[in-house]
Amino acid sequence: MKSEKVRNLTADELVSQERDLSDQLFKLKFQLNMGQTESLKKIRGLRRDIARVKTIARERELAATGATEKK
């Protein structure tokens, strides 16, 4: 997932996207531990996507608090 696509999401969509990605990551880790899959690239990609979503959410949070502090 590209960061441009994530930046176009609303706050509620970001939360939903983070939850979905976390669920996918959990399922893949579970499959990996059970020996059903060896998709380390997918796990790495999901972790990066979760980090992107969290980073953009935090940027928006800081921008909102920064705007209120300047007033």
PDB file of N, CA and C in Angstrom:
ATOM      1  N   MET A   1       0.848  -1.171   0.000  1.00  0.00           N
ATOM      2  CA  MET A   1       0.000   0.000   0.000  1.00  0.00           C
ATOM      3  C   MET A   1       0.898   1.240   0.000  1.00  0.00           C
ATOM      4  N   LYS A   2       0.603   2.138  -0.882  1.00  0.00           N
ATOM      5  CA  LYS A   2       1.388   3.361  -0.983  1.00  0.00           C
ATOM      6  C   LYS A   2       0.919   4.383   0.050  1.00  0.00           C
ATOM      7  N   SER A   3       1.844   5.236   0.469  1.00  0.00           N
ATOM      8  CA  SER A   3       1.499   6.228   1.481  1.00  0.00           C
ATOM      9  C   SER A   3       0.520   7.260   0.934  1.00  0.00           C
ATOM     10  N   GLU A   4       0.554   7.506  -0.381  1.00  0.00           N
ATOM     11  CA  GLU A   4      -0.401   8.451  -0.980  1.00  0.00           C
ATOM     12  C   GLU A   4      -1.828   7.946  -0.802  1.00  0.00           C
ATOM     13  N   LYS A   5      -2.010   6.650  -0.975  1.00  0.00           N
ATOM     14  CA  LYS A   5      -3.330   6.057  -0.818  1.00  0.00           C
ATOM     15  C   LYS A   5      -3.798   6.161   0.634  1.00  0.00           C
ATOM     16  N   VAL A   6      -2.889   5.960   1.566  1.00  0.00           N
ATOM     17  CA  VAL A   6      -3.227   6.030   2.987  1.00  0.00           C
ATOM     18  C   VAL A   6      -3.566   7.466   3.378  1.00  0.00           C
ATOM     19  N   ARG A   7      -2.859   8.421   2.827  1.00  0.00           N
ATOM     20  CA  ARG A   7      -3.106   9.827   3.160  1.00  0.00           C
ATOM     21  C   ARG A   7      -4.486  10.300   2.712  1.00  0.00           C
ATOM     22  N   ASN A   8      -5.066   9.649   1.732  1.00  0.00           N
ATOM     23  CA  ASN A   8      -6.389  10.028   1.239  1.00  0.00           C
ATOM     24  C   ASN A   8      -7.523   9.455   2.080  1.00  0.00           C
ATOM     25  N   LEU A   9      -7.203   8.618   3.052  1.00  0.00           N
ATOM     26  CA  LEU A   9      -8.224   8.015   3.904  1.00  0.00           C
ATOM     27  C   LEU A   9      -8.629   8.972   5.028  1.00  0.00           C
ATOM     28  N   THR A  10      -9.866   8.831   5.486  1.00  0.00           N
ATOM     29  CA  THR A  10     -10.327   9.621   6.623  1.00  0.00           C
ATOM     30  C   THR A  10      -9.828   8.971   7.907  1.00  0.00           C
ATOM     31  N   ALA A  11     -10.048   9.631   9.025  1.00  0.00           N
ATOM     32  CA  ALA A  11      -9.585   9.113  10.308  1.00  0.00           C
ATOM     33  C   ALA A  11     -10.253   7.774  10.639  1.00  0.00           C
ATOM     34  N   ASP A  12     -11.556   7.666  10.394  1.00  0.00           N
ATOM     35  CA  ASP A  12     -12.256   6.413  10.663  1.00  0.00           C
ATOM     36  C   ASP A  12     -11.756   5.291   9.753  1.00  0.00           C
ATOM     37  N   GLU A  13     -11.488   5.636   8.506  1.00  0.00           N
ATOM     38  CA  GLU A  13     -10.973   4.642   7.573  1.00  0.00           C
ATOM     39  C   GLU A  13      -9.573   4.189   7.974  1.00  0.00           C
ATOM     40  N   LEU A  14      -8.776   5.110   8.533  1.00  0.00           N
ATOM     41  CA  LEU A  14      -7.440   4.736   9.009  1.00  0.00           C
ATOM     42  C   LEU A  14      -7.527   3.722  10.139  1.00  0.00           C
ATOM     43  N   VAL A  15      -8.429   3.953  11.068  1.00  0.00           N
ATOM     44  CA  VAL A  15      -8.607   3.032  12.193  1.00  0.00           C
ATOM     45  C   VAL A  15      -9.054   1.669  11.683  1.00  0.00           C
ATOM     46  N   SER A  16     -10.001   1.686  10.753  1.00  0.00           N
ATOM     47  CA  SER A  16     -10.496   0.440  10.182  1.00  0.00           C
ATOM     48  C   SER A  16      -9.392  -0.293   9.427  1.00  0.00           C
ATOM     49  N   GLN A  17      -8.613   0.447   8.658  1.00  0.00           N
ATOM     50  CA  GLN A  17      -7.520  -0.137   7.884  1.00  0.00           C
ATOM     51  C   GLN A  17      -6.475  -0.751   8.814  1.00  0.00           C
ATOM     52  N   GLU A  18      -6.152  -0.057   9.897  1.00  0.00           N
ATOM     53  CA  GLU A  18      -5.175  -0.579  10.854  1.00  0.00           C
ATOM     54  C   GLU A  18      -5.682  -1.877  11.481  1.00  0.00           C
ATOM     55  N   ARG A  19      -6.952  -1.903  11.838  1.00  0.00           N
ATOM     56  CA  ARG A  19      -7.540  -3.100  12.436  1.00  0.00           C
ATOM     57  C   ARG A  19      -7.502  -4.269  11.451  1.00  0.00           C
ATOM     58  N   ASP A  20      -7.853  -4.009  10.189  1.00  0.00           N
ATOM     59  CA  ASP A  20      -7.836  -5.065   9.176  1.00  0.00           C
ATOM     60  C   ASP A  20      -6.426  -5.604   8.951  1.00  0.00           C
ATOM     61  N   LEU A  21      -5.467  -4.703   8.855  1.00  0.00           N
ATOM     62  CA  LEU A  21      -4.084  -5.131   8.649  1.00  0.00           C
ATOM     63  C   LEU A  21      -3.564  -5.929   9.834  1.00  0.00           C
ATOM     64  N   SER A  22      -3.927  -5.507  11.038  1.00  0.00           N
ATOM     65  CA  SER A  22      -3.502  -6.233  12.237  1.00  0.00           C
ATOM     66  C   SER A  22      -4.105  -7.632  12.270  1.00  0.00           C
ATOM     67  N   ASP A  23      -5.372  -7.746  11.867  1.00  0.00           N
ATOM     68  CA  ASP A  23      -6.012  -9.062  11.810  1.00  0.00           C
ATOM     69  C   ASP A  23      -5.316  -9.965  10.791  1.00  0.00           C
ATOM     70  N   GLN A  24      -4.997  -9.407   9.635  1.00  0.00           N
ATOM     71  CA  GLN A  24      -4.298 -10.182   8.606  1.00  0.00           C
ATOM     72  C   GLN A  24      -2.932 -10.643   9.111  1.00  0.00           C
ATOM     73  N   LEU A  25      -2.230  -9.749   9.798  1.00  0.00           N
ATOM     74  CA  LEU A  25      -0.917 -10.086  10.334  1.00  0.00           C
ATOM     75  C   LEU A  25      -1.028 -11.204  11.365  1.00  0.00           C
ATOM     76  N   PHE A  26      -2.027 -11.119  12.231  1.00  0.00           N
ATOM     77  CA  PHE A  26      -2.235 -12.159  13.234  1.00  0.00           C
ATOM     78  C   PHE A  26      -2.472 -13.510  12.576  1.00  0.00           C
ATOM     79  N   LYS A  27      -3.331 -13.525  11.552  1.00  0.00           N
ATOM     80  CA  LYS A  27      -3.642 -14.777  10.867  1.00  0.00           C
ATOM     81  C   LYS A  27      -2.403 -15.358  10.190  1.00  0.00           C
ATOM     82  N   LEU A  28      -1.613 -14.500   9.553  1.00  0.00           N
ATOM     83  CA  LEU A  28      -0.402 -14.989   8.897  1.00  0.00           C
ATOM     84  C   LEU A  28       0.610 -15.527   9.902  1.00  0.00           C
ATOM     85  N   LYS A  29       0.757 -14.835  11.031  1.00  0.00           N
ATOM     86  CA  LYS A  29       1.678 -15.320  12.064  1.00  0.00           C
ATOM     87  C   LYS A  29       1.202 -16.661  12.624  1.00  0.00           C
ATOM     88  N   PHE A  30      -0.091 -16.788  12.786  1.00  0.00           N
ATOM     89  CA  PHE A  30      -0.653 -18.046  13.286  1.00  0.00           C
ATOM     90  C   PHE A  30      -0.372 -19.169  12.295  1.00  0.00           C
ATOM     91  N   GLN A  31      -0.601 -18.902  11.016  1.00  0.00           N
ATOM     92  CA  GLN A  31      -0.327 -19.907   9.985  1.00  0.00           C
ATOM     93  C   GLN A  31       1.158 -20.265   9.950  1.00  0.00           C
ATOM     94  N   LEU A  32       2.002 -19.272  10.124  1.00  0.00           N
ATOM     95  CA  LEU A  32       3.440 -19.509  10.116  1.00  0.00           C
ATOM     96  C   LEU A  32       3.843 -20.423  11.269  1.00  0.00           C
ATOM     97  N   ASN A  33       3.294 -20.173  12.444  1.00  0.00           N
ATOM     98  CA  ASN A  33       3.604 -21.001  13.606  1.00  0.00           C
ATOM     99  C   ASN A  33       3.054 -22.418  13.477  1.00  0.00           C
ATOM    100  N   MET A  34       1.954 -22.572  12.748  1.00  0.00           N
ATOM    101  CA  MET A  34       1.374 -23.895  12.533  1.00  0.00           C
ATOM    102  C   MET A  34       2.060 -24.638  11.384  1.00  0.00           C
ATOM    103  N   GLY A  35       2.933 -23.944  10.681  1.00  0.00           N
ATOM    104  CA  GLY A  35       3.655 -24.575   9.587  1.00  0.00           C
ATOM    105  C   GLY A  35       2.882 -24.637   8.294  1.00  0.00           C
ATOM    106  N   GLN A  36       1.829 -23.851   8.176  1.00  0.00           N
ATOM    107  CA  GLN A  36       1.000 -23.887   6.977  1.00  0.00           C
ATOM    108  C   GLN A  36       1.490 -22.936   5.895  1.00  0.00           C
ATOM    109  N   THR A  37       2.299 -21.973   6.251  1.00  0.00           N
ATOM    110  CA  THR A  37       2.757 -21.001   5.267  1.00  0.00           C
ATOM    111  C   THR A  37       4.178 -20.559   5.596  1.00  0.00           C
ATOM    112  N   GLU A  38       4.832 -20.042   4.599  1.00  0.00           N
ATOM    113  CA  GLU A  38       6.166 -19.483   4.793  1.00  0.00           C
ATOM    114  C   GLU A  38       6.262 -18.127   4.110  1.00  0.00           C
ATOM    115  N   SER A  39       5.223 -17.343   4.238  1.00  0.00           N
ATOM    116  CA  SER A  39       5.141 -16.067   3.535  1.00  0.00           C
ATOM    117  C   SER A  39       5.730 -14.939   4.379  1.00  0.00           C
ATOM    118  N   LEU A  40       7.036 -14.936   4.524  1.00  0.00           N
ATOM    119  CA  LEU A  40       7.697 -13.906   5.314  1.00  0.00           C
ATOM    120  C   LEU A  40       7.608 -12.542   4.640  1.00  0.00           C
ATOM    121  N   LYS A  41       7.577 -12.513   3.321  1.00  0.00           N
ATOM    122  CA  LYS A  41       7.451 -11.239   2.605  1.00  0.00           C
ATOM    123  C   LYS A  41       6.109 -10.578   2.892  1.00  0.00           C
ATOM    124  N   LYS A  42       5.056 -11.380   2.960  1.00  0.00           N
ATOM    125  CA  LYS A  42       3.731 -10.828   3.262  1.00  0.00           C
ATOM    126  C   LYS A  42       3.701 -10.258   4.682  1.00  0.00           C
ATOM    127  N   ILE A  43       4.310 -10.968   5.615  1.00  0.00           N
ATOM    128  CA  ILE A  43       4.343 -10.500   7.003  1.00  0.00           C
ATOM    129  C   ILE A  43       5.099  -9.183   7.082  1.00  0.00           C
ATOM    130  N   ARG A  44       6.240  -9.116   6.426  1.00  0.00           N
ATOM    131  CA  ARG A  44       7.037  -7.893   6.429  1.00  0.00           C
ATOM    132  C   ARG A  44       6.256  -6.732   5.801  1.00  0.00           C
ATOM    133  N   GLY A  45       5.576  -7.012   4.696  1.00  0.00           N
ATOM    134  CA  GLY A  45       4.778  -5.982   4.036  1.00  0.00           C
ATOM    135  C   GLY A  45       3.642  -5.486   4.903  1.00  0.00           C
ATOM    136  N   LEU A  46       2.967  -6.400   5.591  1.00  0.00           N
ATOM    137  CA  LEU A  46       1.873  -6.005   6.478  1.00  0.00           C
ATOM    138  C   LEU A  46       2.382  -5.149   7.625  1.00  0.00           C
ATOM    139  N   ARG A  47       3.533  -5.523   8.182  1.00  0.00           N
ATOM    140  CA  ARG A  47       4.093  -4.725   9.272  1.00  0.00           C
ATOM    141  C   ARG A  47       4.411  -3.316   8.799  1.00  0.00           C
ATOM    142  N   ARG A  48       4.927  -3.195   7.598  1.00  0.00           N
ATOM    143  CA  ARG A  48       5.240  -1.870   7.049  1.00  0.00           C
ATOM    144  C   ARG A  48       3.977  -1.070   6.781  1.00  0.00           C
ATOM    145  N   ASP A  49       2.936  -1.742   6.277  1.00  0.00           N
ATOM    146  CA  ASP A  49       1.670  -1.048   6.030  1.00  0.00           C
ATOM    147  C   ASP A  49       1.058  -0.551   7.334  1.00  0.00           C
ATOM    148  N   ILE A  50       1.121  -1.367   8.377  1.00  0.00           N
ATOM    149  CA  ILE A  50       0.604  -0.949   9.687  1.00  0.00           C
ATOM    150  C   ILE A  50       1.387   0.264  10.182  1.00  0.00           C
ATOM    151  N   ALA A  51       2.690   0.238   9.991  1.00  0.00           N
ATOM    152  CA  ALA A  51       3.522   1.364  10.419  1.00  0.00           C
ATOM    153  C   ALA A  51       3.162   2.625   9.643  1.00  0.00           C
ATOM    154  N   ARG A  52       2.905   2.493   8.339  1.00  0.00           N
ATOM    155  CA  ARG A  52       2.497   3.649   7.537  1.00  0.00           C
ATOM    156  C   ARG A  52       1.203   4.253   8.056  1.00  0.00           C
ATOM    157  N   VAL A  53       0.221   3.384   8.317  1.00  0.00           N
ATOM    158  CA  VAL A  53      -1.079   3.852   8.795  1.00  0.00           C
ATOM    159  C   VAL A  53      -0.920   4.560  10.137  1.00  0.00           C
ATOM    160  N   LYS A  54      -0.159   3.964  11.047  1.00  0.00           N
ATOM    161  CA  LYS A  54       0.037   4.573  12.363  1.00  0.00           C
ATOM    162  C   LYS A  54       0.799   5.890  12.268  1.00  0.00           C
ATOM    163  N   THR A  55       1.777   5.953  11.377  1.00  0.00           N
ATOM    164  CA  THR A  55       2.562   7.173  11.216  1.00  0.00           C
ATOM    165  C   THR A  55       1.690   8.309  10.706  1.00  0.00           C
ATOM    166  N   ILE A  56       0.878   8.040   9.714  1.00  0.00           N
ATOM    167  CA  ILE A  56       0.026   9.086   9.149  1.00  0.00           C
ATOM    168  C   ILE A  56      -1.031   9.512  10.160  1.00  0.00           C
ATOM    169  N   ALA A  57      -1.571   8.563  10.919  1.00  0.00           N
ATOM    170  CA  ALA A  57      -2.540   8.917  11.965  1.00  0.00           C
ATOM    171  C   ALA A  57      -1.886   9.817  13.012  1.00  0.00           C
ATOM    172  N   ARG A  58      -0.661   9.506  13.377  1.00  0.00           N
ATOM    173  CA  ARG A  58       0.059  10.320  14.370  1.00  0.00           C
ATOM    174  C   ARG A  58       0.384  11.696  13.812  1.00  0.00           C
ATOM    175  N   GLU A  59       0.765  11.776  12.541  1.00  0.00           N
ATOM    176  CA  GLU A  59       1.032  13.075  11.921  1.00  0.00           C
ATOM    177  C   GLU A  59      -0.203  13.965  11.977  1.00  0.00           C
ATOM    178  N   ARG A  60      -1.356  13.372  11.678  1.00  0.00           N
ATOM    179  CA  ARG A  60      -2.605  14.146  11.715  1.00  0.00           C
ATOM    180  C   ARG A  60      -2.927  14.582  13.136  1.00  0.00           C
ATOM    181  N   GLU A  61      -2.684  13.701  14.096  1.00  0.00           N
ATOM    182  CA  GLU A  61      -2.935  14.036  15.502  1.00  0.00           C
ATOM    183  C   GLU A  61      -2.058  15.196  15.949  1.00  0.00           C
ATOM    184  N   LEU A  62      -0.784  15.146  15.584  1.00  0.00           N
ATOM    185  CA  LEU A  62       0.137  16.220  15.959  1.00  0.00           C
ATOM    186  C   LEU A  62      -0.211  17.523  15.248  1.00  0.00           C
ATOM    187  N   ALA A  63      -0.640  17.428  14.002  1.00  0.00           N
ATOM    188  CA  ALA A  63      -1.030  18.617  13.257  1.00  0.00           C
ATOM    189  C   ALA A  63      -2.259  19.271  13.889  1.00  0.00           C
ATOM    190  N   ALA A  64      -3.183  18.445  14.361  1.00  0.00           N
ATOM    191  CA  ALA A  64      -4.394  18.973  14.989  1.00  0.00           C
ATOM    192  C   ALA A  64      -4.068  19.638  16.321  1.00  0.00           C
ATOM    193  N   THR A  65      -3.220  19.021  17.125  1.00  0.00           N
ATOM    194  CA  THR A  65      -2.877  19.618  18.410  1.00  0.00           C
ATOM    195  C   THR A  65      -1.972  20.826  18.215  1.00  0.00           C
ATOM    196  N   GLY A  66      -1.143  20.802  17.200  1.00  0.00           N
ATOM    197  CA  GLY A  66      -0.272  21.944  16.920  1.00  0.00           C
ATOM    198  C   GLY A  66      -1.078  23.153  16.487  1.00  0.00           C
ATOM    199  N   ALA A  67      -2.136  22.922  15.740  1.00  0.00           N
ATOM    200  CA  ALA A  67      -2.991  24.011  15.288  1.00  0.00           C
ATOM    201  C   ALA A  67      -3.736  24.644  16.458  1.00  0.00           C
ATOM    202  N   THR A  68      -4.144  23.826  17.425  1.00  0.00           N
ATOM    203  CA  THR A  68      -4.880  24.365  18.568  1.00  0.00           C
ATOM    204  C   THR A  68      -3.953  25.069  19.545  1.00  0.00           C
ATOM    205  N   GLU A  69      -2.702  24.627  19.635  1.00  0.00           N
ATOM    206  CA  GLU A  69      -1.756  25.269  20.554  1.00  0.00           C
ATOM    207  C   GLU A  69      -1.336  26.647  20.063  1.00  0.00           C
ATOM    208  N   LYS A  70      -1.325  26.850  18.757  1.00  0.00           N
ATOM    209  CA  LYS A  70      -0.879  28.142  18.199  1.00  0.00           C
ATOM    210  C   LYS A  70      -1.918  29.224  18.412  1.00  0.00           C
ATOM    211  N   LYS A  71      -3.141  28.854  18.662  1.00  0.00           N
ATOM    212  CA  LYS A  71      -4.193  29.859  18.830  1.00  0.00           C
ATOM    213  C   LYS A  71      -4.136  30.513  20.176  1.00  0.00           C
TER     214      LYS A  71
END
